[in-house]
Amino acid sequence: MEQKFETLYNEYKDMLTENILPFWLKFGYDRINGGIYTGLDRDGSLLETDKSVWFQGRALWVFATAYQQVAQDEAYRELCDSLVQFIEAHCFDPNDGRMYFRVSKEGKPVIKRLRYVYSETFAIIGFAAYSKAFNRPDYAKKAYELYKTIEQYLQTPGVLIPKFETESIGFGLPMIMLNVLDELRSAYPEAEVELTDAIDAHIKEIQKNFVRPEMEAVVEQCNPDGTLQLDHFEGRLLNPGHAIEGSWFILKEAQYRGNDPELIKLGTTMLDWMFKRGWDEQYGGIIYFRDILGKSGTEYWHDMKFWWPQCEATIANLFAFSLTRKDKYLSQYEQAHQYIKKNFVDSEYGEWFGYLHRDNTLSTPLKGNMYKGPFHIPRMYLVCCKILEDMGK
């Protein structure tokens, strides 16, 4: 068994350092204007010169973490320095301090999404990773200050424009905050108690409102009082990959707390329900959307296979196996692992395809856009390498 894990570790590390990261360094890194492009075609040629602000922070996390965890490559450091400079110079609106969603190649504003704080959350994890990798405590402090800023946004009525006129609450924000707070805590231990308390609050919110034992599902949206919205498309929509991502954030927190049994139970329960609902028994892979009542899918991409849910299923099942040693999680991990290798990895040009139809035929060969870039895939390899390394100790 240990030999198998060592083989997997080497496979993942090689994919990361010889395939995925070199692809983005070669084709994504903008050495003229700074920062990173993500609008790339299959062969790495540029399709879109605007830059995703999410990915300036996400790529910073990836390359800083890779520098710290797997290879102290000076090319990683160079890109990280460029990303930090681009974020600080171009990604914040000087008028109100809010971050943009999309900027031009030179960094001029293109789109600002006033109902979200996701650009800020990804900048936080990027700054936190940069501080750890390159001994820059000033960036841990900046990450913490940005966290306090978004907390203020979230607590001040009217700062964030709601998506719906009728009130509703979503799984996405408390889920992503588990990851943000964990990354920030590791970089800024001065606030460990405060950040751990905040993690507790988000876990309680997830458990109270979105983890639904009566339906054996993790819902994406509900009313503020926790009741379900089963007479609406959005209220019935399940996003298995999203819920599975949240499950491994909770499992990671369980590990941080000395393998806390209650958090392991919560994380594995979420994984059990949503892997069962999401896995396509006919063609393999995690389907993008499901309806909680089994009604007809409403989004035209509802049954497609996107790259990132496969990443989350791989991480979550390996994490669950490492904490429980239950064979079913190893089996589900192997399903996801082999499915990715067969269908998503581009053996000719490198990196992964992002979008497949349900039967695994290719929808588009592009390698990146405003939502796909160097994050979920390299994070999968990085996190799985860490899990495998820990299991081998």
Protein backbone atom coordinates (compact mmCIF):
# COMPACT_ATOMS: atom_id res chain seq x y z
CA MET A 1 0.00 0.00 0.00
CA GLU A 2 2.78 2.45 0.92
CA GLN A 3 4.46 1.80 -2.44
CA LYS A 4 1.21 2.69 -4.20
CA PHE A 5 0.99 6.00 -2.36
CA GLU A 6 4.62 6.81 -3.14
CA THR A 7 3.96 6.10 -6.82
CA LEU A 8 0.92 8.37 -6.78
CA TYR A 9 2.89 11.10 -5.02
CA ASN A 10 5.58 10.99 -7.69
CA GLU A 11 2.99 10.97 -10.47
CA TYR A 12 1.23 14.02 -9.03
CA LYS A 13 4.43 15.92 -8.34
CA ASP A 14 5.67 15.27 -11.88
CA MET A 15 2.35 16.36 -13.39
CA LEU A 16 2.49 19.54 -11.35
CA THR A 17 6.12 20.52 -11.95
CA GLU A 18 6.64 19.11 -15.45
CA ASN A 19 3.25 19.75 -17.03
CA ILE A 20 0.72 22.03 -15.31
CA LEU A 21 2.87 24.82 -13.87
CA PRO A 22 5.21 25.04 -16.90
CA PHE A 23 2.18 25.44 -19.18
CA TRP A 24 1.00 28.50 -17.26
CA LEU A 25 4.50 29.93 -16.88
CA LYS A 26 5.10 29.64 -20.61
CA PHE A 27 1.76 30.79 -21.95
CA GLY A 28 -0.02 32.64 -19.13
CA TYR A 29 2.65 34.80 -17.54
CA ASP A 30 2.50 38.33 -18.96
CA ARG A 31 6.12 39.44 -18.81
CA ILE A 32 5.30 42.82 -20.34
CA ASN A 33 2.41 44.09 -18.19
CA GLY A 34 2.71 41.74 -15.24
CA GLY A 35 0.23 39.26 -13.83
CA ILE A 36 -1.25 36.28 -15.64
CA TYR A 37 -3.53 35.66 -18.61
CA THR A 38 -6.02 32.80 -18.43
CA GLY A 39 -7.79 33.08 -21.82
CA LEU A 40 -5.73 30.39 -23.54
CA ASP A 41 -6.51 27.98 -26.37
CA ARG A 42 -5.56 24.31 -26.36
CA ASP A 43 -2.00 24.97 -27.49
CA GLY A 44 -1.53 27.90 -25.13
CA SER A 45 -2.13 30.61 -27.73
CA LEU A 46 -3.87 33.71 -26.42
CA LEU A 47 -7.65 33.94 -26.93
CA GLU A 48 -8.42 36.81 -24.53
CA THR A 49 -6.14 39.58 -23.26
CA ASP A 50 -8.35 40.74 -20.38
CA LYS A 51 -7.31 39.33 -17.02
CA SER A 52 -9.39 37.63 -14.36
CA VAL A 53 -8.79 39.29 -11.00
CA TRP A 54 -9.81 36.04 -9.30
CA PHE A 55 -6.87 34.37 -10.99
CA GLN A 56 -4.29 36.93 -10.00
CA GLY A 57 -4.92 35.88 -6.39
CA ARG A 58 -5.50 32.22 -7.17
CA ALA A 59 -2.34 31.90 -9.26
CA LEU A 60 -0.39 33.66 -6.52
CA TRP A 61 -1.61 31.03 -4.04
CA VAL A 62 -0.69 28.20 -6.42
CA PHE A 63 2.82 29.29 -7.32
CA ALA A 64 3.70 30.44 -3.81
CA THR A 65 2.44 27.17 -2.34
CA ALA A 66 4.29 25.17 -4.98
CA TYR A 67 7.48 27.10 -4.17
CA GLN A 68 7.08 26.33 -0.48
CA GLN A 69 5.85 22.76 -0.81
CA VAL A 70 7.43 21.06 -3.83
CA ALA A 71 10.15 23.06 -5.61
CA GLN A 72 11.97 26.32 -4.82
CA ASP A 73 11.99 27.31 -8.46
CA GLU A 74 13.03 30.90 -9.09
CA ALA A 75 10.55 31.08 -11.98
CA TYR A 76 7.77 30.56 -9.43
CA ARG A 77 9.14 33.40 -7.30
CA GLU A 78 9.37 35.72 -10.29
CA LEU A 79 5.75 35.11 -11.24
CA CYS A 80 4.62 35.53 -7.62
CA ASP A 81 6.38 38.89 -7.39
CA SER A 82 4.72 39.96 -10.65
CA LEU A 83 1.30 38.87 -9.44
CA VAL A 84 1.60 40.73 -6.16
CA GLN A 85 2.66 43.90 -7.95
CA PHE A 86 -0.17 43.60 -10.49
CA ILE A 87 -2.80 42.99 -7.80
CA GLU A 88 -1.73 45.93 -5.71
CA ALA A 89 -1.30 48.30 -8.65
CA HIS A 90 -4.37 47.44 -10.71
CA CYS A 91 -6.96 45.22 -9.00
CA PHE A 92 -8.33 47.57 -6.33
CA ASP A 93 -10.65 50.46 -7.16
CA PRO A 94 -8.89 53.54 -5.70
CA ASN A 95 -12.27 55.20 -5.10
CA ASP A 96 -13.74 52.69 -2.65
CA GLY A 97 -11.12 49.97 -2.14
CA ARG A 98 -13.31 47.25 -3.66
CA MET A 99 -11.65 44.82 -6.04
CA TYR A 100 -12.48 44.43 -9.72
CA PHE A 101 -13.56 41.17 -11.35
CA ARG A 102 -11.91 41.74 -14.71
CA VAL A 103 -9.25 44.16 -15.92
CA SER A 104 -7.47 44.79 -19.24
CA LYS A 105 -4.03 43.41 -19.95
CA GLU A 106 -2.54 46.68 -18.70
CA GLY A 107 -4.76 46.61 -15.63
CA LYS A 108 -7.50 49.06 -16.58
CA PRO A 109 -10.97 48.34 -15.07
CA VAL A 110 -13.36 46.29 -17.20
CA ILE A 111 -15.92 44.70 -14.84
CA LYS A 112 -16.65 45.21 -11.15
CA ARG A 113 -19.15 42.81 -9.55
CA LEU A 114 -20.69 44.58 -6.57
CA ARG A 115 -22.57 41.63 -5.10
CA TYR A 116 -19.50 39.45 -4.42
CA VAL A 117 -16.28 39.51 -2.41
CA TYR A 118 -14.63 36.58 -4.19
CA SER A 119 -11.86 38.69 -5.76
CA GLU A 120 -10.95 39.72 -2.21
CA THR A 121 -11.07 36.16 -0.85
CA PHE A 122 -8.65 34.94 -3.51
CA ALA A 123 -6.33 37.88 -2.89
CA ILE A 124 -6.31 36.93 0.80
CA ILE A 125 -5.20 33.35 0.16
CA GLY A 126 -2.65 34.60 -2.37
CA PHE A 127 -1.14 37.13 0.03
CA ALA A 128 -1.14 34.53 2.83
CA ALA A 129 0.71 31.97 0.70
CA TYR A 130 3.16 34.62 -0.53
CA SER A 131 3.96 35.60 3.04
CA LYS A 132 4.74 31.99 4.01
CA ALA A 133 6.72 31.08 0.93
CA PHE A 134 8.97 34.13 0.87
CA ASN A 135 9.10 35.15 4.56
CA ARG A 136 7.03 38.28 4.06
CA PRO A 137 5.06 38.83 7.29
CA ASP A 138 3.90 42.17 5.92
CA TYR A 139 1.74 40.26 3.41
CA ALA A 140 0.25 38.11 6.15
CA LYS A 141 -0.78 41.37 7.81
CA LYS A 142 -2.18 42.67 4.51
CA ALA A 143 -4.15 39.44 4.10
CA TYR A 144 -5.57 39.82 7.60
CA GLU A 145 -6.49 43.47 7.02
CA LEU A 146 -8.24 42.55 3.77
CA TYR A 147 -10.17 39.85 5.63
CA LYS A 148 -11.32 42.42 8.18
CA THR A 149 -12.37 44.68 5.32
CA ILE A 150 -14.59 42.06 3.69
CA GLU A 151 -16.06 41.19 7.08
CA GLN A 152 -17.09 44.82 7.28
CA TYR A 153 -18.62 44.63 3.80
CA LEU A 154 -20.59 41.54 4.76
CA GLN A 155 -21.90 43.05 7.98
CA THR A 156 -22.87 46.44 6.56
CA PRO A 157 -26.31 46.47 4.88
CA GLY A 158 -26.28 47.86 1.36
CA VAL A 159 -22.58 47.40 0.64
CA LEU A 160 -23.14 44.20 -1.35
CA ILE A 161 -25.92 44.30 -3.94
CA PRO A 162 -28.05 41.14 -3.55
CA LYS A 163 -28.43 38.80 -6.51
CA PHE A 164 -32.15 38.32 -5.88
CA GLU A 165 -34.76 40.85 -4.76
CA THR A 166 -36.29 38.19 -2.51
CA GLU A 167 -34.06 37.23 0.38
CA SER A 168 -32.02 34.04 0.19
CA ILE A 169 -28.71 32.76 1.51
CA GLY A 170 -26.12 30.70 -0.35
CA PHE A 171 -23.68 27.92 0.48
CA GLY A 172 -20.84 29.46 -1.53
CA LEU A 173 -19.70 32.19 0.83
CA PRO A 174 -19.48 30.24 4.13
CA MET A 175 -17.88 27.38 2.21
CA ILE A 176 -15.14 29.51 0.64
CA MET A 177 -14.55 31.30 3.94
CA LEU A 178 -13.51 27.99 5.52
CA ASN A 179 -10.64 27.85 3.05
CA VAL A 180 -9.80 31.55 3.35
CA LEU A 181 -9.68 31.45 7.14
CA ASP A 182 -7.59 28.27 7.20
CA GLU A 183 -5.02 29.74 4.80
CA LEU A 184 -4.95 33.03 6.70
CA ARG A 185 -4.59 31.29 10.06
CA SER A 186 -1.52 29.39 8.90
CA ALA A 187 0.12 32.64 7.77
CA TYR A 188 -1.04 34.88 10.61
CA PRO A 189 -1.00 32.87 13.86
CA GLU A 190 -1.39 36.09 15.86
CA ALA A 191 -5.12 35.83 15.12
CA GLU A 192 -5.45 32.05 15.49
CA VAL A 193 -8.19 32.12 18.13
CA GLU A 194 -10.24 34.74 16.27
CA LEU A 195 -9.94 32.94 12.95
CA THR A 196 -10.73 29.52 14.45
CA ASP A 197 -13.83 30.99 16.08
CA ALA A 198 -14.87 32.36 12.68
CA ILE A 199 -14.37 28.91 11.13
CA ASP A 200 -16.62 27.46 13.83
CA ALA A 201 -19.32 29.98 13.00
CA HIS A 202 -19.21 29.15 9.27
CA ILE A 203 -19.30 25.41 9.94
CA LYS A 204 -22.36 25.88 12.16
CA GLU A 205 -24.02 27.95 9.42
CA ILE A 206 -23.33 25.25 6.83
CA GLN A 207 -24.59 22.50 9.11
CA LYS A 208 -27.71 24.42 10.12
CA ASN A 209 -28.83 25.73 6.73
CA PHE A 210 -27.32 23.68 3.91
CA VAL A 211 -26.66 20.13 5.20
CA ARG A 212 -30.12 18.55 4.95
CA PRO A 213 -30.41 15.04 6.47
CA GLU A 214 -34.09 14.82 5.51
CA MET A 215 -33.06 15.04 1.83
CA GLU A 216 -29.56 13.51 2.15
CA ALA A 217 -28.17 16.48 0.27
CA VAL A 218 -26.17 19.67 0.64
CA VAL A 219 -28.23 22.48 -0.90
CA GLU A 220 -26.84 25.57 -2.61
CA GLN A 221 -29.53 28.00 -1.50
CA CYS A 222 -32.30 28.39 1.06
CA ASN A 223 -34.38 31.02 2.81
CA PRO A 224 -32.78 33.03 5.63
CA ASP A 225 -34.76 30.98 8.17
CA GLY A 226 -33.32 27.77 6.74
CA THR A 227 -36.45 26.58 4.94
CA LEU A 228 -36.00 25.18 1.45
CA GLN A 229 -37.18 26.82 -1.77
CA LEU A 230 -38.46 23.71 -3.52
CA ASP A 231 -40.87 25.62 -5.76
CA HIS A 232 -37.98 27.43 -7.48
CA PHE A 233 -35.34 26.18 -9.92
CA GLU A 234 -32.57 27.75 -7.84
CA GLY A 235 -33.88 26.33 -4.59
CA ARG A 236 -33.83 22.77 -5.94
CA LEU A 237 -30.44 23.06 -7.63
CA LEU A 238 -27.62 20.92 -6.29
CA ASN A 239 -23.99 21.47 -7.23
CA PRO A 240 -22.25 18.24 -6.19
CA GLY A 241 -18.73 19.49 -6.91
CA HIS A 242 -19.28 22.57 -4.77
CA ALA A 243 -20.60 20.54 -1.84
CA ILE A 244 -17.77 18.03 -2.17
CA GLU A 245 -15.27 20.90 -2.10
CA GLY A 246 -16.85 22.07 1.14
CA SER A 247 -16.62 18.54 2.54
CA TRP A 248 -12.83 18.44 2.24
CA PHE A 249 -12.46 21.91 3.72
CA ILE A 250 -14.25 20.50 6.78
CA LEU A 251 -12.10 17.35 6.74
CA LYS A 252 -8.99 19.56 6.65
CA GLU A 253 -10.28 21.42 9.68
CA ALA A 254 -10.92 18.09 11.40
CA GLN A 255 -7.29 17.16 10.78
CA TYR A 256 -6.12 20.52 12.12
CA ARG A 257 -8.01 19.81 15.35
CA GLY A 258 -6.37 16.43 15.88
CA ASN A 259 -8.80 14.40 13.74
CA ASP A 260 -11.93 15.75 15.41
CA PRO A 261 -14.51 12.93 15.11
CA GLU A 262 -17.55 15.20 14.78
CA LEU A 263 -16.01 17.17 11.92
CA ILE A 264 -14.88 13.96 10.23
CA LYS A 265 -18.45 12.71 10.47
CA LEU A 266 -19.83 15.94 9.02
CA GLY A 267 -17.31 16.07 6.17
CA THR A 268 -17.69 12.42 5.20
CA THR A 269 -21.49 12.62 5.37
CA MET A 270 -21.48 15.56 2.96
CA LEU A 271 -19.12 13.63 0.68
CA ASP A 272 -21.22 10.44 0.86
CA TRP A 273 -24.44 12.19 -0.12
CA MET A 274 -23.05 14.37 -2.85
CA PHE A 275 -20.71 11.85 -4.48
CA LYS A 276 -23.70 9.52 -4.74
CA ARG A 277 -25.84 12.28 -6.25
CA GLY A 278 -23.12 13.63 -8.52
CA TRP A 279 -21.31 10.58 -9.91
CA ASP A 280 -22.51 9.56 -13.39
CA GLU A 281 -22.88 5.77 -13.23
CA GLN A 282 -23.20 5.52 -17.02
CA TYR A 283 -20.28 7.63 -18.26
CA GLY A 284 -18.28 8.37 -15.12
CA GLY A 285 -17.34 11.72 -13.63
CA ILE A 286 -19.16 14.26 -11.49
CA ILE A 287 -22.12 15.88 -13.26
CA TYR A 288 -22.35 19.64 -12.88
CA PHE A 289 -25.91 20.14 -11.57
CA ARG A 290 -28.64 17.93 -10.14
CA ASP A 291 -32.21 18.70 -9.10
CA ILE A 292 -32.85 17.74 -5.49
CA LEU A 293 -36.26 16.28 -6.38
CA GLY A 294 -35.03 14.56 -9.53
CA LYS A 295 -36.91 16.97 -11.79
CA SER A 296 -35.68 18.03 -15.24
CA GLY A 297 -32.42 19.95 -15.41
CA THR A 298 -32.88 23.61 -16.26
CA GLU A 299 -29.42 24.92 -17.13
CA TYR A 300 -28.19 23.94 -20.59
CA TRP A 301 -24.89 22.74 -19.10
CA HIS A 302 -26.55 20.82 -16.25
CA ASP A 303 -25.21 17.41 -17.28
CA MET A 304 -21.77 18.47 -18.51
CA LYS A 305 -18.51 17.43 -16.91
CA PHE A 306 -16.43 20.43 -15.86
CA TRP A 307 -12.81 20.06 -14.78
CA TRP A 308 -13.08 21.37 -11.23
CA PRO A 309 -15.69 19.02 -9.67
CA GLN A 310 -13.44 16.11 -10.66
CA CYS A 311 -10.59 17.79 -8.77
CA GLU A 312 -12.75 18.21 -5.67
CA ALA A 313 -13.94 14.60 -5.76
CA THR A 314 -10.34 13.40 -5.99
CA ILE A 315 -9.16 15.49 -3.04
CA ALA A 316 -12.18 14.78 -0.85
CA ASN A 317 -12.09 11.01 -1.25
CA LEU A 318 -8.34 10.82 -0.66
CA PHE A 319 -8.72 13.05 2.40
CA ALA A 320 -11.60 10.92 3.70
CA PHE A 321 -9.57 7.74 3.23
CA SER A 322 -6.56 9.23 5.01
CA LEU A 323 -8.70 10.08 8.05
CA THR A 324 -10.98 7.02 8.17
CA ARG A 325 -9.08 4.28 6.27
CA LYS A 326 -12.40 3.14 4.84
CA ASP A 327 -11.99 1.25 1.58
CA LYS A 328 -14.99 2.91 -0.07
CA TYR A 329 -13.20 6.25 -0.11
CA LEU A 330 -10.11 4.72 -1.65
CA SER A 331 -12.34 3.10 -4.28
CA GLN A 332 -14.13 6.38 -5.03
CA TYR A 333 -10.79 8.19 -5.16
CA GLU A 334 -9.53 5.66 -7.71
CA GLN A 335 -12.71 6.16 -9.79
CA ALA A 336 -12.13 9.90 -9.94
CA HIS A 337 -8.38 9.56 -10.48
CA GLN A 338 -8.73 7.20 -13.43
CA TYR A 339 -11.62 9.19 -14.92
CA ILE A 340 -9.47 12.33 -14.99
CA LYS A 341 -6.51 10.58 -16.60
CA LYS A 342 -8.71 9.05 -19.28
CA ASN A 343 -10.81 12.09 -20.15
CA PHE A 344 -9.34 15.41 -19.04
CA VAL A 345 -5.55 15.27 -19.32
CA ASP A 346 -4.31 16.57 -22.69
CA SER A 347 -1.37 14.31 -23.53
CA GLU A 348 -0.51 16.28 -26.67
CA TYR A 349 -0.39 19.92 -25.55
CA GLY A 350 -0.31 19.59 -21.77
CA GLU A 351 -2.64 20.78 -19.01
CA TRP A 352 -6.30 19.64 -18.97
CA PHE A 353 -9.37 20.17 -21.04
CA GLY A 354 -12.04 22.00 -19.07
CA TYR A 355 -15.41 21.19 -20.57
CA LEU A 356 -16.81 17.83 -21.66
CA HIS A 357 -20.30 16.77 -22.65
CA ARG A 358 -21.99 14.17 -20.49
CA ASP A 359 -20.68 11.32 -22.67
CA ASN A 360 -17.14 12.74 -22.27
CA THR A 361 -16.84 14.06 -25.79
CA LEU A 362 -15.05 17.38 -25.96
CA SER A 363 -17.15 20.54 -25.79
CA THR A 364 -14.29 23.03 -26.32
CA PRO A 365 -10.53 22.47 -26.35
CA LEU A 366 -9.58 25.74 -24.67
CA LYS A 367 -7.37 25.61 -21.57
CA GLY A 368 -8.51 28.76 -19.82
CA ASN A 369 -10.99 31.61 -19.53
CA MET A 370 -12.20 33.90 -16.72
CA TYR A 371 -13.05 30.85 -14.58
CA LYS A 372 -10.59 28.14 -15.60
CA GLY A 373 -6.93 28.82 -14.98
CA PRO A 374 -4.11 27.75 -12.67
CA PHE A 375 -6.05 26.93 -9.52
CA HIS A 376 -8.28 23.85 -9.11
CA ILE A 377 -5.99 21.54 -11.08
CA PRO A 378 -2.66 22.50 -9.49
CA ARG A 379 -4.39 22.73 -6.11
CA MET A 380 -5.56 19.14 -6.55
CA TYR A 381 -2.02 17.97 -7.19
CA LEU A 382 -0.63 20.05 -4.31
CA VAL A 383 -3.23 18.97 -1.77
CA CYS A 384 -3.10 15.32 -2.80
CA CYS A 385 0.70 15.35 -2.58
CA LYS A 386 0.42 16.67 0.97
CA ILE A 387 -2.15 14.03 1.94
CA LEU A 388 -0.04 11.24 0.44
CA GLU A 389 3.07 12.60 2.13
CA ASP A 390 1.28 12.67 5.50
CA MET A 391 0.01 9.10 5.04
CA GLY A 392 3.56 7.95 4.35
CA LYS A 393 4.94 9.34 7.60
